[in-house]
Amino acid sequence: MNKRRDVIPEHFNSAEEAGEFWDMHSADEYWTEMKEEEMEFDIQRRTFLVPVDARIYLLAKKKADAEHRTVEQLISTLLNRELAKT
């Protein structure tokens, strides 16, 4: 059985678009079309995930929305300010 496949786009407009394509397709179906690539990563910054109580998160989200910021930006600012006191 010869199953017809979608062509892999030359470029994706966003990570979300690429994700949607690969959510619907298996890399195994395109193995012969893929080429090996060399990549290097220079990670300059690390991010840590810290659990937060739902109530605190919702308060931070409300404040961040009012200030047109992300929750991550608000919490980082608050933590930096508080930790600078020590």
C-alpha atoms as a PDB file:
ATOM      1  CA  MET A   1       0.000   0.000   0.000  1.00  0.00           C
ATOM      2  CA  ASN A   2       1.490   3.353  -1.066  1.00  0.00           C
ATOM      3  CA  LYS A   3       0.335   5.955   1.452  1.00  0.00           C
ATOM      4  CA  ARG A   4       0.421   9.569   0.261  1.00  0.00           C
ATOM      5  CA  ARG A   5       2.333  11.929   2.570  1.00  0.00           C
ATOM      6  CA  ASP A   6       2.303  15.685   3.049  1.00  0.00           C
ATOM      7  CA  VAL A   7       5.483  17.421   1.960  1.00  0.00           C
ATOM      8  CA  ILE A   8       7.633  18.748   4.816  1.00  0.00           C
ATOM      9  CA  PRO A   9       7.498  22.560   4.566  1.00  0.00           C
ATOM     10  CA  GLU A  10      10.830  24.210   3.696  1.00  0.00           C
ATOM     11  CA  HIS A  11      10.279  26.643   6.597  1.00  0.00           C
ATOM     12  CA  PHE A  12       7.774  26.919   9.428  1.00  0.00           C
ATOM     13  CA  ASN A  13       6.501  30.384  10.389  1.00  0.00           C
ATOM     14  CA  SER A  14       6.579  29.577  14.094  1.00  0.00           C
ATOM     15  CA  ALA A  15       7.420  26.879  16.604  1.00  0.00           C
ATOM     16  CA  GLU A  16       3.672  26.325  17.007  1.00  0.00           C
ATOM     17  CA  GLU A  17       3.289  25.675  13.280  1.00  0.00           C
ATOM     18  CA  ALA A  18       6.155  23.171  13.352  1.00  0.00           C
ATOM     19  CA  GLY A  19       4.645  21.532  16.426  1.00  0.00           C
ATOM     20  CA  GLU A  20       1.267  21.183  14.731  1.00  0.00           C
ATOM     21  CA  PHE A  21       2.879  19.555  11.683  1.00  0.00           C
ATOM     22  CA  TRP A  22       4.889  17.063  13.740  1.00  0.00           C
ATOM     23  CA  ASP A  23       1.932  16.344  16.037  1.00  0.00           C
ATOM     24  CA  MET A  24       0.133  15.038  12.950  1.00  0.00           C
ATOM     25  CA  HIS A  25       3.106  13.305  11.276  1.00  0.00           C
ATOM     26  CA  SER A  26       5.731  10.788  12.317  1.00  0.00           C
ATOM     27  CA  ALA A  27       9.415  11.475  11.664  1.00  0.00           C
ATOM     28  CA  ASP A  28       9.648   7.787  10.771  1.00  0.00           C
ATOM     29  CA  GLU A  29       7.544   8.483   7.655  1.00  0.00           C
ATOM     30  CA  TYR A  30      10.105  11.075   6.478  1.00  0.00           C
ATOM     31  CA  TRP A  31      13.349   9.405   7.572  1.00  0.00           C
ATOM     32  CA  THR A  32      14.766   9.095   4.057  1.00  0.00           C
ATOM     33  CA  GLU A  33      14.140  12.806   3.368  1.00  0.00           C
ATOM     34  CA  MET A  34      15.873  14.043   6.501  1.00  0.00           C
ATOM     35  CA  LYS A  35      19.475  15.156   6.517  1.00  0.00           C
ATOM     36  CA  GLU A  36      21.935  15.282   9.364  1.00  0.00           C
ATOM     37  CA  GLU A  37      22.674  18.739  10.776  1.00  0.00           C
ATOM     38  CA  GLU A  38      25.435  19.978  13.058  1.00  0.00           C
ATOM     39  CA  MET A  39      24.252  22.229  15.869  1.00  0.00           C
ATOM     40  CA  GLU A  40      25.859  23.960  18.787  1.00  0.00           C
ATOM     41  CA  PHE A  41      24.125  25.537  21.740  1.00  0.00           C
ATOM     42  CA  ASP A  42      25.606  28.190  23.954  1.00  0.00           C
ATOM     43  CA  ILE A  43      23.227  28.301  26.880  1.00  0.00           C
ATOM     44  CA  GLN A  44      23.771  31.587  28.665  1.00  0.00           C
ATOM     45  CA  ARG A  45      20.867  31.412  31.058  1.00  0.00           C
ATOM     46  CA  ARG A  46      19.107  28.701  33.025  1.00  0.00           C
ATOM     47  CA  THR A  47      15.499  28.692  34.130  1.00  0.00           C
ATOM     48  CA  PHE A  48      14.233  26.748  37.125  1.00  0.00           C
ATOM     49  CA  LEU A  49      10.631  25.742  37.633  1.00  0.00           C
ATOM     50  CA  VAL A  50       9.409  26.339  41.153  1.00  0.00           C
ATOM     51  CA  PRO A  51       5.971  25.204  42.339  1.00  0.00           C
ATOM     52  CA  VAL A  52       3.710  27.983  43.604  1.00  0.00           C
ATOM     53  CA  ASP A  53       0.451  27.761  45.482  1.00  0.00           C
ATOM     54  CA  ALA A  54      -2.553  28.336  43.184  1.00  0.00           C
ATOM     55  CA  ARG A  55      -3.749  31.323  45.234  1.00  0.00           C
ATOM     56  CA  ILE A  56      -0.369  33.052  44.934  1.00  0.00           C
ATOM     57  CA  TYR A  57      -0.207  32.332  41.214  1.00  0.00           C
ATOM     58  CA  LEU A  58      -3.678  33.795  40.621  1.00  0.00           C
ATOM     59  CA  LEU A  59      -2.802  36.942  42.588  1.00  0.00           C
ATOM     60  CA  ALA A  60       0.431  37.311  40.608  1.00  0.00           C
ATOM     61  CA  LYS A  61      -1.405  36.727  37.312  1.00  0.00           C
ATOM     62  CA  LYS A  62      -3.991  39.396  38.131  1.00  0.00           C
ATOM     63  CA  LYS A  63      -1.257  41.922  39.017  1.00  0.00           C
ATOM     64  CA  ALA A  64       0.854  40.998  35.976  1.00  0.00           C
ATOM     65  CA  ASP A  65      -2.143  41.405  33.650  1.00  0.00           C
ATOM     66  CA  ALA A  66      -2.885  44.838  35.130  1.00  0.00           C
ATOM     67  CA  GLU A  67       0.744  45.850  34.503  1.00  0.00           C
ATOM     68  CA  HIS A  68       0.801  44.304  30.991  1.00  0.00           C
ATOM     69  CA  ARG A  69       3.570  41.910  32.010  1.00  0.00           C
ATOM     70  CA  THR A  70       3.938  38.155  32.170  1.00  0.00           C
ATOM     71  CA  VAL A  71       3.626  36.295  35.443  1.00  0.00           C
ATOM     72  CA  GLU A  72       7.262  35.231  35.045  1.00  0.00           C
ATOM     73  CA  GLN A  73       8.408  38.851  34.734  1.00  0.00           C
ATOM     74  CA  LEU A  74       6.400  39.933  37.771  1.00  0.00           C
ATOM     75  CA  ILE A  75       7.560  37.076  39.993  1.00  0.00           C
ATOM     76  CA  SER A  76      11.201  37.545  38.939  1.00  0.00           C
ATOM     77  CA  THR A  77      10.986  41.243  39.759  1.00  0.00           C
ATOM     78  CA  LEU A  78       9.410  40.560  43.155  1.00  0.00           C
ATOM     79  CA  LEU A  79      11.966  37.880  44.032  1.00  0.00           C
ATOM     80  CA  ASN A  80      14.893  40.052  42.906  1.00  0.00           C
ATOM     81  CA  ARG A  81      13.621  42.957  44.988  1.00  0.00           C
ATOM     82  CA  GLU A  82      13.063  40.805  48.059  1.00  0.00           C
ATOM     83  CA  LEU A  83      16.367  38.942  47.786  1.00  0.00           C
ATOM     84  CA  ALA A  84      18.294  42.189  47.306  1.00  0.00           C
ATOM     85  CA  LYS A  85      17.234  43.141  50.839  1.00  0.00           C
ATOM     86  CA  THR A  86      19.217  40.278  52.369  1.00  0.00           C
END
